[in-house]
Amino acid sequence: PTRPQQVTTLDGLDVCKNLQCLYISNNNIKNWAELDKLKDLPALRDILLVGNEIYTQFGSREECRIEVLRHLPNISKIDGQMVKPSERDAATEPRAE
């Protein structure tokens, strides 16, 4: 069940061109495509997504972080931890089918 006042979409944030940090943990983001709506935010470097539905699709935290980087390659900090070069490299590799 959805808790009251939970964010389910990232619509409308594309106009926030100076947004550097987005803390949206423990909400109800279910679709990775929602992150694509943030691609045109040049200043966005720090995102907090832990506790959202999208993270349940992967078995490990590292897999989730890599998926975030696939959608938002300019991010430098995910869920409070700096992005590692190995994660950035993994995000640019083709997905295993």
PDB file of N, CA and C in Angstrom:
ATOM      1  N   PRO A   1       0.827  -1.204   0.000  1.00  0.00           N
ATOM      2  CA  PRO A   1       0.000   0.000   0.000  1.00  0.00           C
ATOM      3  C   PRO A   1       0.863   1.257   0.000  1.00  0.00           C
ATOM      4  N   THR A   2       0.427   2.228  -0.738  1.00  0.00           N
ATOM      5  CA  THR A   2       1.139   3.491  -0.825  1.00  0.00           C
ATOM      6  C   THR A   2       0.870   4.324   0.420  1.00  0.00           C
ATOM      7  N   ARG A   3       1.940   4.865   0.978  1.00  0.00           N
ATOM      8  CA  ARG A   3       1.778   5.764   2.121  1.00  0.00           C
ATOM      9  C   ARG A   3       1.318   7.110   1.595  1.00  0.00           C
ATOM     10  N   PRO A   4       0.600   7.875   2.409  1.00  0.00           N
ATOM     11  CA  PRO A   4       0.130   9.186   1.961  1.00  0.00           C
ATOM     12  C   PRO A   4       1.292  10.099   1.587  1.00  0.00           C
ATOM     13  N   GLN A   5       1.072  10.962   0.618  1.00  0.00           N
ATOM     14  CA  GLN A   5       2.037  11.968   0.209  1.00  0.00           C
ATOM     15  C   GLN A   5       3.311  11.403  -0.411  1.00  0.00           C
ATOM     16  N   GLN A   6       3.293  10.184  -0.891  1.00  0.00           N
ATOM     17  CA  GLN A   6       4.490   9.623  -1.511  1.00  0.00           C
ATOM     18  C   GLN A   6       4.634  10.088  -2.944  1.00  0.00           C
ATOM     19  N   VAL A   7       5.874  10.358  -3.327  1.00  0.00           N
ATOM     20  CA  VAL A   7       6.189  10.760  -4.692  1.00  0.00           C
ATOM     21  C   VAL A   7       6.233   9.505  -5.565  1.00  0.00           C
ATOM     22  N   THR A   8       5.526   9.532  -6.680  1.00  0.00           N
ATOM     23  CA  THR A   8       5.506   8.388  -7.597  1.00  0.00           C
ATOM     24  C   THR A   8       6.089   8.740  -8.963  1.00  0.00           C
ATOM     25  N   THR A   9       6.263  10.027  -9.236  1.00  0.00           N
ATOM     26  CA  THR A   9       6.769  10.466 -10.531  1.00  0.00           C
ATOM     27  C   THR A   9       7.731  11.637 -10.345  1.00  0.00           C
ATOM     28  N   LEU A  10       8.612  11.809 -11.293  1.00  0.00           N
ATOM     29  CA  LEU A  10       9.558  12.924 -11.243  1.00  0.00           C
ATOM     30  C   LEU A  10       9.207  13.987 -12.282  1.00  0.00           C
ATOM     31  N   ASP A  11       7.948  14.005 -12.684  1.00  0.00           N
ATOM     32  CA  ASP A  11       7.461  15.013 -13.631  1.00  0.00           C
ATOM     33  C   ASP A  11       7.670  16.419 -13.072  1.00  0.00           C
ATOM     34  N   GLY A  12       8.043  17.339 -13.951  1.00  0.00           N
ATOM     35  CA  GLY A  12       8.129  18.741 -13.584  1.00  0.00           C
ATOM     36  C   GLY A  12       9.474  19.200 -13.053  1.00  0.00           C
ATOM     37  N   LEU A  13      10.363  18.280 -12.738  1.00  0.00           N
ATOM     38  CA  LEU A  13      11.667  18.680 -12.209  1.00  0.00           C
ATOM     39  C   LEU A  13      12.635  19.115 -13.303  1.00  0.00           C
ATOM     40  N   ASP A  14      12.305  18.832 -14.556  1.00  0.00           N
ATOM     41  CA  ASP A  14      13.191  19.155 -15.671  1.00  0.00           C
ATOM     42  C   ASP A  14      13.445  20.655 -15.820  1.00  0.00           C
ATOM     43  N   VAL A  15      12.615  21.485 -15.219  1.00  0.00           N
ATOM     44  CA  VAL A  15      12.801  22.936 -15.301  1.00  0.00           C
ATOM     45  C   VAL A  15      13.748  23.456 -14.217  1.00  0.00           C
ATOM     46  N   CYS A  16      14.126  22.611 -13.285  1.00  0.00           N
ATOM     47  CA  CYS A  16      14.994  23.006 -12.167  1.00  0.00           C
ATOM     48  C   CYS A  16      16.457  22.867 -12.579  1.00  0.00           C
ATOM     49  N   LYS A  17      16.893  23.704 -13.505  1.00  0.00           N
ATOM     50  CA  LYS A  17      18.219  23.570 -14.117  1.00  0.00           C
ATOM     51  C   LYS A  17      19.375  23.736 -13.132  1.00  0.00           C
ATOM     52  N   ASN A  18      19.146  24.390 -11.999  1.00  0.00           N
ATOM     53  CA  ASN A  18      20.209  24.574 -11.013  1.00  0.00           C
ATOM     54  C   ASN A  18      20.175  23.541  -9.890  1.00  0.00           C
ATOM     55  N   LEU A  19      19.255  22.597  -9.978  1.00  0.00           N
ATOM     56  CA  LEU A  19      19.130  21.573  -8.939  1.00  0.00           C
ATOM     57  C   LEU A  19      20.405  20.734  -8.878  1.00  0.00           C
ATOM     58  N   GLN A  20      21.029  20.693  -7.712  1.00  0.00           N
ATOM     59  CA  GLN A  20      22.270  19.958  -7.530  1.00  0.00           C
ATOM     60  C   GLN A  20      22.063  18.666  -6.749  1.00  0.00           C
ATOM     61  N   CYS A  21      21.038  18.668  -5.912  1.00  0.00           N
ATOM     62  CA  CYS A  21      20.855  17.588  -4.965  1.00  0.00           C
ATOM     63  C   CYS A  21      19.370  17.218  -4.920  1.00  0.00           C
ATOM     64  N   LEU A  22      19.053  15.933  -5.030  1.00  0.00           N
ATOM     65  CA  LEU A  22      17.662  15.492  -4.956  1.00  0.00           C
ATOM     66  C   LEU A  22      17.563  14.327  -3.993  1.00  0.00           C
ATOM     67  N   TYR A  23      16.959  14.582  -2.857  1.00  0.00           N
ATOM     68  CA  TYR A  23      16.766  13.541  -1.841  1.00  0.00           C
ATOM     69  C   TYR A  23      15.314  13.096  -1.909  1.00  0.00           C
ATOM     70  N   ILE A  24      15.120  11.905  -2.431  1.00  0.00           N
ATOM     71  CA  ILE A  24      13.780  11.398  -2.668  1.00  0.00           C
ATOM     72  C   ILE A  24      13.652   9.956  -2.171  1.00  0.00           C
ATOM     73  N   SER A  25      14.359   9.661  -1.085  1.00  0.00           N
ATOM     74  CA  SER A  25      14.340   8.308  -0.524  1.00  0.00           C
ATOM     75  C   SER A  25      12.972   7.995   0.090  1.00  0.00           C
ATOM     76  N   ASN A  26      12.702   6.695   0.230  1.00  0.00           N
ATOM     77  CA  ASN A  26      11.486   6.200   0.878  1.00  0.00           C
ATOM     78  C   ASN A  26      10.218   6.771   0.259  1.00  0.00           C
ATOM     79  N   ASN A  27      10.185   6.754  -1.069  1.00  0.00           N
ATOM     80  CA  ASN A  27       8.993   7.152  -1.792  1.00  0.00           C
ATOM     81  C   ASN A  27       8.512   5.970  -2.624  1.00  0.00           C
ATOM     82  N   ASN A  28       7.816   6.237  -3.702  1.00  0.00           N
ATOM     83  CA  ASN A  28       7.200   5.159  -4.462  1.00  0.00           C
ATOM     84  C   ASN A  28       7.552   5.251  -5.947  1.00  0.00           C
ATOM     85  N   ILE A  29       8.837   5.498  -6.228  1.00  0.00           N
ATOM     86  CA  ILE A  29       9.294   5.522  -7.620  1.00  0.00           C
ATOM     87  C   ILE A  29       9.447   4.061  -8.043  1.00  0.00           C
ATOM     88  N   LYS A  30       8.638   3.648  -9.030  1.00  0.00           N
ATOM     89  CA  LYS A  30       8.592   2.237  -9.441  1.00  0.00           C
ATOM     90  C   LYS A  30       9.281   1.960 -10.773  1.00  0.00           C
ATOM     91  N   ASN A  31       9.514   3.005 -11.561  1.00  0.00           N
ATOM     92  CA  ASN A  31       9.985   2.814 -12.921  1.00  0.00           C
ATOM     93  C   ASN A  31      11.295   3.568 -13.137  1.00  0.00           C
ATOM     94  N   TRP A  32      12.302   2.869 -13.643  1.00  0.00           N
ATOM     95  CA  TRP A  32      13.601   3.492 -13.906  1.00  0.00           C
ATOM     96  C   TRP A  32      13.491   4.620 -14.916  1.00  0.00           C
ATOM     97  N   ALA A  33      12.494   4.581 -15.774  1.00  0.00           N
ATOM     98  CA  ALA A  33      12.308   5.637 -16.770  1.00  0.00           C
ATOM     99  C   ALA A  33      12.066   6.996 -16.112  1.00  0.00           C
ATOM    100  N   GLU A  34      11.608   7.003 -14.870  1.00  0.00           N
ATOM    101  CA  GLU A  34      11.414   8.268 -14.156  1.00  0.00           C
ATOM    102  C   GLU A  34      12.739   9.025 -14.043  1.00  0.00           C
ATOM    103  N   LEU A  35      13.842   8.295 -13.861  1.00  0.00           N
ATOM    104  CA  LEU A  35      15.148   8.953 -13.739  1.00  0.00           C
ATOM    105  C   LEU A  35      15.559   9.643 -15.036  1.00  0.00           C
ATOM    106  N   ASP A  36      15.074   9.118 -16.157  1.00  0.00           N
ATOM    107  CA  ASP A  36      15.396   9.735 -17.447  1.00  0.00           C
ATOM    108  C   ASP A  36      14.874  11.171 -17.525  1.00  0.00           C
ATOM    109  N   LYS A  37      13.865  11.482 -16.750  1.00  0.00           N
ATOM    110  CA  LYS A  37      13.302  12.836 -16.735  1.00  0.00           C
ATOM    111  C   LYS A  37      14.266  13.843 -16.110  1.00  0.00           C
ATOM    112  N   LEU A  38      15.314  13.345 -15.460  1.00  0.00           N
ATOM    113  CA  LEU A  38      16.293  14.215 -14.805  1.00  0.00           C
ATOM    114  C   LEU A  38      17.562  14.400 -15.633  1.00  0.00           C
ATOM    115  N   LYS A  39      17.628  13.751 -16.794  1.00  0.00           N
ATOM    116  CA  LYS A  39      18.845  13.767 -17.619  1.00  0.00           C
ATOM    117  C   LYS A  39      19.291  15.151 -18.037  1.00  0.00           C
ATOM    118  N   ASP A  40      18.364  16.071 -18.208  1.00  0.00           N
ATOM    119  CA  ASP A  40      18.702  17.399 -18.694  1.00  0.00           C
ATOM    120  C   ASP A  40      18.936  18.410 -17.576  1.00  0.00           C
ATOM    121  N   LEU A  41      19.270  17.902 -16.386  1.00  0.00           N
ATOM    122  CA  LEU A  41      19.601  18.788 -15.265  1.00  0.00           C
ATOM    123  C   LEU A  41      21.120  18.807 -15.120  1.00  0.00           C
ATOM    124  N   PRO A  42      21.770  19.819 -15.706  1.00  0.00           N
ATOM    125  CA  PRO A  42      23.233  19.828 -15.786  1.00  0.00           C
ATOM    126  C   PRO A  42      23.947  19.884 -14.435  1.00  0.00           C
ATOM    127  N   ALA A  43      23.320  20.436 -13.418  1.00  0.00           N
ATOM    128  CA  ALA A  43      23.981  20.611 -12.121  1.00  0.00           C
ATOM    129  C   ALA A  43      23.750  19.437 -11.161  1.00  0.00           C
ATOM    130  N   LEU A  44      22.815  18.545 -11.490  1.00  0.00           N
ATOM    131  CA  LEU A  44      22.471  17.460 -10.565  1.00  0.00           C
ATOM    132  C   LEU A  44      23.655  16.512 -10.379  1.00  0.00           C
ATOM    133  N   ARG A  45      24.124  16.395  -9.135  1.00  0.00           N
ATOM    134  CA  ARG A  45      25.277  15.556  -8.828  1.00  0.00           C
ATOM    135  C   ARG A  45      25.026  14.562  -7.701  1.00  0.00           C
ATOM    136  N   ASP A  46      23.996  14.812  -6.897  1.00  0.00           N
ATOM    137  CA  ASP A  46      23.775  14.027  -5.686  1.00  0.00           C
ATOM    138  C   ASP A  46      22.309  13.603  -5.638  1.00  0.00           C
ATOM    139  N   ILE A  47      22.076  12.286  -5.552  1.00  0.00           N
ATOM    140  CA  ILE A  47      20.701  11.785  -5.519  1.00  0.00           C
ATOM    141  C   ILE A  47      20.575  10.705  -4.444  1.00  0.00           C
ATOM    142  N   LEU A  48      19.463  10.731  -3.758  1.00  0.00           N
ATOM    143  CA  LEU A  48      19.174   9.756  -2.710  1.00  0.00           C
ATOM    144  C   LEU A  48      17.881   9.040  -3.098  1.00  0.00           C
ATOM    145  N   LEU A  49      17.976   7.762  -3.399  1.00  0.00           N
ATOM    146  CA  LEU A  49      16.831   6.993  -3.899  1.00  0.00           C
ATOM    147  C   LEU A  49      16.484   5.772  -3.043  1.00  0.00           C
ATOM    148  N   VAL A  50      17.298   5.456  -2.060  1.00  0.00           N
ATOM    149  CA  VAL A  50      17.101   4.255  -1.259  1.00  0.00           C
ATOM    150  C   VAL A  50      15.672   4.236  -0.691  1.00  0.00           C
ATOM    151  N   GLY A  51      15.078   3.055  -0.665  1.00  0.00           N
ATOM    152  CA  GLY A  51      13.721   2.926  -0.140  1.00  0.00           C
ATOM    153  C   GLY A  51      12.631   3.097  -1.186  1.00  0.00           C
ATOM    154  N   ASN A  52      13.011   3.170  -2.457  1.00  0.00           N
ATOM    155  CA  ASN A  52      12.024   3.243  -3.540  1.00  0.00           C
ATOM    156  C   ASN A  52      11.857   1.875  -4.189  1.00  0.00           C
ATOM    157  N   GLU A  53      10.704   1.677  -4.813  1.00  0.00           N
ATOM    158  CA  GLU A  53      10.375   0.401  -5.461  1.00  0.00           C
ATOM    159  C   GLU A  53      11.415  -0.030  -6.502  1.00  0.00           C
ATOM    160  N   ILE A  54      12.016   0.926  -7.199  1.00  0.00           N
ATOM    161  CA  ILE A  54      12.961   0.571  -8.260  1.00  0.00           C
ATOM    162  C   ILE A  54      14.117  -0.265  -7.729  1.00  0.00           C
ATOM    163  N   TYR A  55      14.479  -0.073  -6.471  1.00  0.00           N
ATOM    164  CA  TYR A  55      15.607  -0.817  -5.905  1.00  0.00           C
ATOM    165  C   TYR A  55      15.282  -2.283  -5.639  1.00  0.00           C
ATOM    166  N   THR A  56      14.016  -2.640  -5.622  1.00  0.00           N
ATOM    167  CA  THR A  56      13.646  -4.040  -5.370  1.00  0.00           C
ATOM    168  C   THR A  56      13.865  -4.916  -6.601  1.00  0.00           C
ATOM    169  N   GLN A  57      14.154  -4.309  -7.748  1.00  0.00           N
ATOM    170  CA  GLN A  57      14.337  -5.057  -8.994  1.00  0.00           C
ATOM    171  C   GLN A  57      15.723  -5.665  -9.124  1.00  0.00           C
ATOM    172  N   PHE A  58      16.640  -5.291  -8.227  1.00  0.00           N
ATOM    173  CA  PHE A  58      18.010  -5.796  -8.286  1.00  0.00           C
ATOM    174  C   PHE A  58      18.373  -6.471  -6.969  1.00  0.00           C
ATOM    175  N   GLY A  59      19.303  -7.417  -7.060  1.00  0.00           N
ATOM    176  CA  GLY A  59      19.687  -8.180  -5.886  1.00  0.00           C
ATOM    177  C   GLY A  59      20.686  -7.494  -4.979  1.00  0.00           C
ATOM    178  N   SER A  60      21.439  -6.532  -5.517  1.00  0.00           N
ATOM    179  CA  SER A  60      22.456  -5.900  -4.692  1.00  0.00           C
ATOM    180  C   SER A  60      22.390  -4.380  -4.808  1.00  0.00           C
ATOM    181  N   ARG A  61      22.911  -3.738  -3.797  1.00  0.00           N
ATOM    182  CA  ARG A  61      22.963  -2.280  -3.789  1.00  0.00           C
ATOM    183  C   ARG A  61      23.842  -1.766  -4.936  1.00  0.00           C
ATOM    184  N   GLU A  62      24.934  -2.485  -5.206  1.00  0.00           N
ATOM    185  CA  GLU A  62      25.834  -2.070  -6.288  1.00  0.00           C
ATOM    186  C   GLU A  62      25.114  -2.089  -7.635  1.00  0.00           C
ATOM    187  N   GLU A  63      24.290  -3.110  -7.871  1.00  0.00           N
ATOM    188  CA  GLU A  63      23.527  -3.177  -9.127  1.00  0.00           C
ATOM    189  C   GLU A  63      22.599  -1.973  -9.255  1.00  0.00           C
ATOM    190  N   CYS A  64      21.987  -1.576  -8.151  1.00  0.00           N
ATOM    191  CA  CYS A  64      21.100  -0.409  -8.161  1.00  0.00           C
ATOM    192  C   CYS A  64      21.878   0.850  -8.507  1.00  0.00           C
ATOM    193  N   ARG A  65      23.052   1.008  -7.904  1.00  0.00           N
ATOM    194  CA  ARG A  65      23.877   2.189  -8.153  1.00  0.00           C
ATOM    195  C   ARG A  65      24.308   2.260  -9.620  1.00  0.00           C
ATOM    196  N   ILE A  66      24.662   1.128 -10.181  1.00  0.00           N
ATOM    197  CA  ILE A  66      25.060   1.072 -11.590  1.00  0.00           C
ATOM    198  C   ILE A  66      23.883   1.456 -12.492  1.00  0.00           C
ATOM    199  N   GLU A  67      22.705   0.981 -12.139  1.00  0.00           N
ATOM    200  CA  GLU A  67      21.517   1.328 -12.932  1.00  0.00           C
ATOM    201  C   GLU A  67      21.226   2.829 -12.845  1.00  0.00           C
ATOM    202  N   VAL A  68      21.405   3.425 -11.668  1.00  0.00           N
ATOM    203  CA  VAL A  68      21.233   4.877 -11.539  1.00  0.00           C
ATOM    204  C   VAL A  68      22.179   5.585 -12.505  1.00  0.00           C
ATOM    205  N   LEU A  69      23.430   5.140 -12.552  1.00  0.00           N
ATOM    206  CA  LEU A  69      24.421   5.756 -13.436  1.00  0.00           C
ATOM    207  C   LEU A  69      24.085   5.561 -14.910  1.00  0.00           C
ATOM    208  N   ARG A  70      23.434   4.467 -15.252  1.00  0.00           N
ATOM    209  CA  ARG A  70      23.013   4.267 -16.650  1.00  0.00           C
ATOM    210  C   ARG A  70      22.014   5.334 -17.067  1.00  0.00           C
ATOM    211  N   HIS A  71      21.184   5.737 -16.126  1.00  0.00           N
ATOM    212  CA  HIS A  71      20.164   6.750 -16.429  1.00  0.00           C
ATOM    213  C   HIS A  71      20.688   8.172 -16.225  1.00  0.00           C
ATOM    214  N   LEU A  72      21.585   8.338 -15.246  1.00  0.00           N
ATOM    215  CA  LEU A  72      22.106   9.667 -14.889  1.00  0.00           C
ATOM    216  C   LEU A  72      23.629   9.616 -14.796  1.00  0.00           C
ATOM    217  N   PRO A  73      24.311   9.610 -15.930  1.00  0.00           N
ATOM    218  CA  PRO A  73      25.761   9.418 -15.930  1.00  0.00           C
ATOM    219  C   PRO A  73      26.568  10.528 -15.258  1.00  0.00           C
ATOM    220  N   ASN A  74      25.987  11.697 -15.044  1.00  0.00           N
ATOM    221  CA  ASN A  74      26.730  12.806 -14.435  1.00  0.00           C
ATOM    222  C   ASN A  74      26.675  12.821 -12.911  1.00  0.00           C
ATOM    223  N   ILE A  75      25.916  11.920 -12.342  1.00  0.00           N
ATOM    224  CA  ILE A  75      25.800  11.860 -10.877  1.00  0.00           C
ATOM    225  C   ILE A  75      27.148  11.482 -10.273  1.00  0.00           C
ATOM    226  N   SER A  76      27.514  12.117  -9.175  1.00  0.00           N
ATOM    227  CA  SER A  76      28.772  11.781  -8.501  1.00  0.00           C
ATOM    228  C   SER A  76      28.555  11.182  -7.109  1.00  0.00           C
ATOM    229  N   LYS A  77      27.319  11.288  -6.596  1.00  0.00           N
ATOM    230  CA  LYS A  77      27.028  10.734  -5.274  1.00  0.00           C
ATOM    231  C   LYS A  77      25.632  10.100  -5.297  1.00  0.00           C
ATOM    232  N   ILE A  78      25.569   8.826  -4.895  1.00  0.00           N
ATOM    233  CA  ILE A  78      24.298   8.094  -4.873  1.00  0.00           C
ATOM    234  C   ILE A  78      24.086   7.550  -3.464  1.00  0.00           C
ATOM    235  N   ASP A  79      22.938   7.865  -2.901  1.00  0.00           N
ATOM    236  CA  ASP A  79      22.570   7.361  -1.564  1.00  0.00           C
ATOM    237  C   ASP A  79      23.657   7.628  -0.518  1.00  0.00           C
ATOM    238  N   GLY A  80      24.240   8.822  -0.600  1.00  0.00           N
ATOM    239  CA  GLY A  80      25.201   9.243   0.405  1.00  0.00           C
ATOM    240  C   GLY A  80      26.629   8.776   0.194  1.00  0.00           C
ATOM    241  N   GLN A  81      26.880   8.018  -0.880  1.00  0.00           N
ATOM    242  CA  GLN A  81      28.238   7.532  -1.135  1.00  0.00           C
ATOM    243  C   GLN A  81      28.705   7.977  -2.516  1.00  0.00           C
ATOM    244  N   MET A  82      29.963   8.399  -2.556  1.00  0.00           N
ATOM    245  CA  MET A  82      30.538   8.829  -3.827  1.00  0.00           C
ATOM    246  C   MET A  82      30.571   7.660  -4.816  1.00  0.00           C
ATOM    247  N   VAL A  83      30.372   7.982  -6.083  1.00  0.00           N
ATOM    248  CA  VAL A  83      30.420   6.976  -7.141  1.00  0.00           C
ATOM    249  C   VAL A  83      31.870   6.529  -7.328  1.00  0.00           C
ATOM    250  N   LYS A  84      32.066   5.224  -7.404  1.00  0.00           N
ATOM    251  CA  LYS A  84      33.407   4.660  -7.617  1.00  0.00           C
ATOM    252  C   LYS A  84      33.681   4.554  -9.117  1.00  0.00           C
ATOM    253  N   PRO A  85      34.946   4.673  -9.515  1.00  0.00           N
ATOM    254  CA  PRO A  85      35.280   4.506 -10.940  1.00  0.00           C
ATOM    255  C   PRO A  85      34.801   3.159 -11.488  1.00  0.00           C
ATOM    256  N   SER A  86      34.867   2.114 -10.691  1.00  0.00           N
ATOM    257  CA  SER A  86      34.427   0.790 -11.154  1.00  0.00           C
ATOM    258  C   SER A  86      32.925   0.771 -11.439  1.00  0.00           C
ATOM    259  N   GLU A  87      32.145   1.508 -10.659  1.00  0.00           N
ATOM    260  CA  GLU A  87      30.701   1.585 -10.903  1.00  0.00           C
ATOM    261  C   GLU A  87      30.434   2.366 -12.189  1.00  0.00           C
ATOM    262  N   ARG A  88      31.164   3.445 -12.384  1.00  0.00           N
ATOM    263  CA  ARG A  88      30.988   4.251 -13.597  1.00  0.00           C
ATOM    264  C   ARG A  88      31.341   3.421 -14.831  1.00  0.00           C
ATOM    265  N   ASP A  89      32.428   2.645 -14.733  1.00  0.00           N
ATOM    266  CA  ASP A  89      32.831   1.761 -15.845  1.00  0.00           C
ATOM    267  C   ASP A  89      31.752   0.724 -16.129  1.00  0.00           C
ATOM    268  N   ALA A  90      31.225   0.108 -15.089  1.00  0.00           N
ATOM    269  CA  ALA A  90      30.197  -0.927 -15.249  1.00  0.00           C
ATOM    270  C   ALA A  90      28.925  -0.352 -15.896  1.00  0.00           C
ATOM    271  N   ALA A  91      28.614   0.907 -15.586  1.00  0.00           N
ATOM    272  CA  ALA A  91      27.418   1.529 -16.136  1.00  0.00           C
ATOM    273  C   ALA A  91      27.534   1.795 -17.634  1.00  0.00           C
ATOM    274  N   THR A  92      28.762   1.897 -18.132  1.00  0.00           N
ATOM    275  CA  THR A  92      28.942   2.171 -19.556  1.00  0.00           C
ATOM    276  C   THR A  92      29.076   0.897 -20.382  1.00  0.00           C
ATOM    277  N   GLU A  93      29.231  -0.245 -19.707  1.00  0.00           N
ATOM    278  CA  GLU A  93      29.325  -1.526 -20.416  1.00  0.00           C
ATOM    279  C   GLU A  93      27.960  -1.970 -20.872  1.00  0.00           C
ATOM    280  N   PRO A  94      27.904  -2.701 -21.977  1.00  0.00           N
ATOM    281  CA  PRO A  94      26.607  -3.239 -22.423  1.00  0.00           C
ATOM    282  C   PRO A  94      26.024  -4.177 -21.374  1.00  0.00           C
ATOM    283  N   ARG A  95      24.726  -4.162 -21.254  1.00  0.00           N
ATOM    284  CA  ARG A  95      24.054  -5.038 -20.277  1.00  0.00           C
ATOM    285  C   ARG A  95      24.152  -6.487 -20.721  1.00  0.00           C
ATOM    286  N   ALA A  96      24.303  -7.361 -19.735  1.00  0.00           N
ATOM    287  CA  ALA A  96      24.272  -8.802 -20.020  1.00  0.00           C
ATOM    288  C   ALA A  96      22.823  -9.188 -20.299  1.00  0.00           C
ATOM    289  N   GLU A  97      22.610  -9.888 -21.355  1.00  0.00           N
ATOM    290  CA  GLU A  97      21.233 -10.288 -21.706  1.00  0.00           C
ATOM    291  C   GLU A  97      20.885 -11.626 -21.109  1.00  0.00           C
TER     292      GLU A  97
END
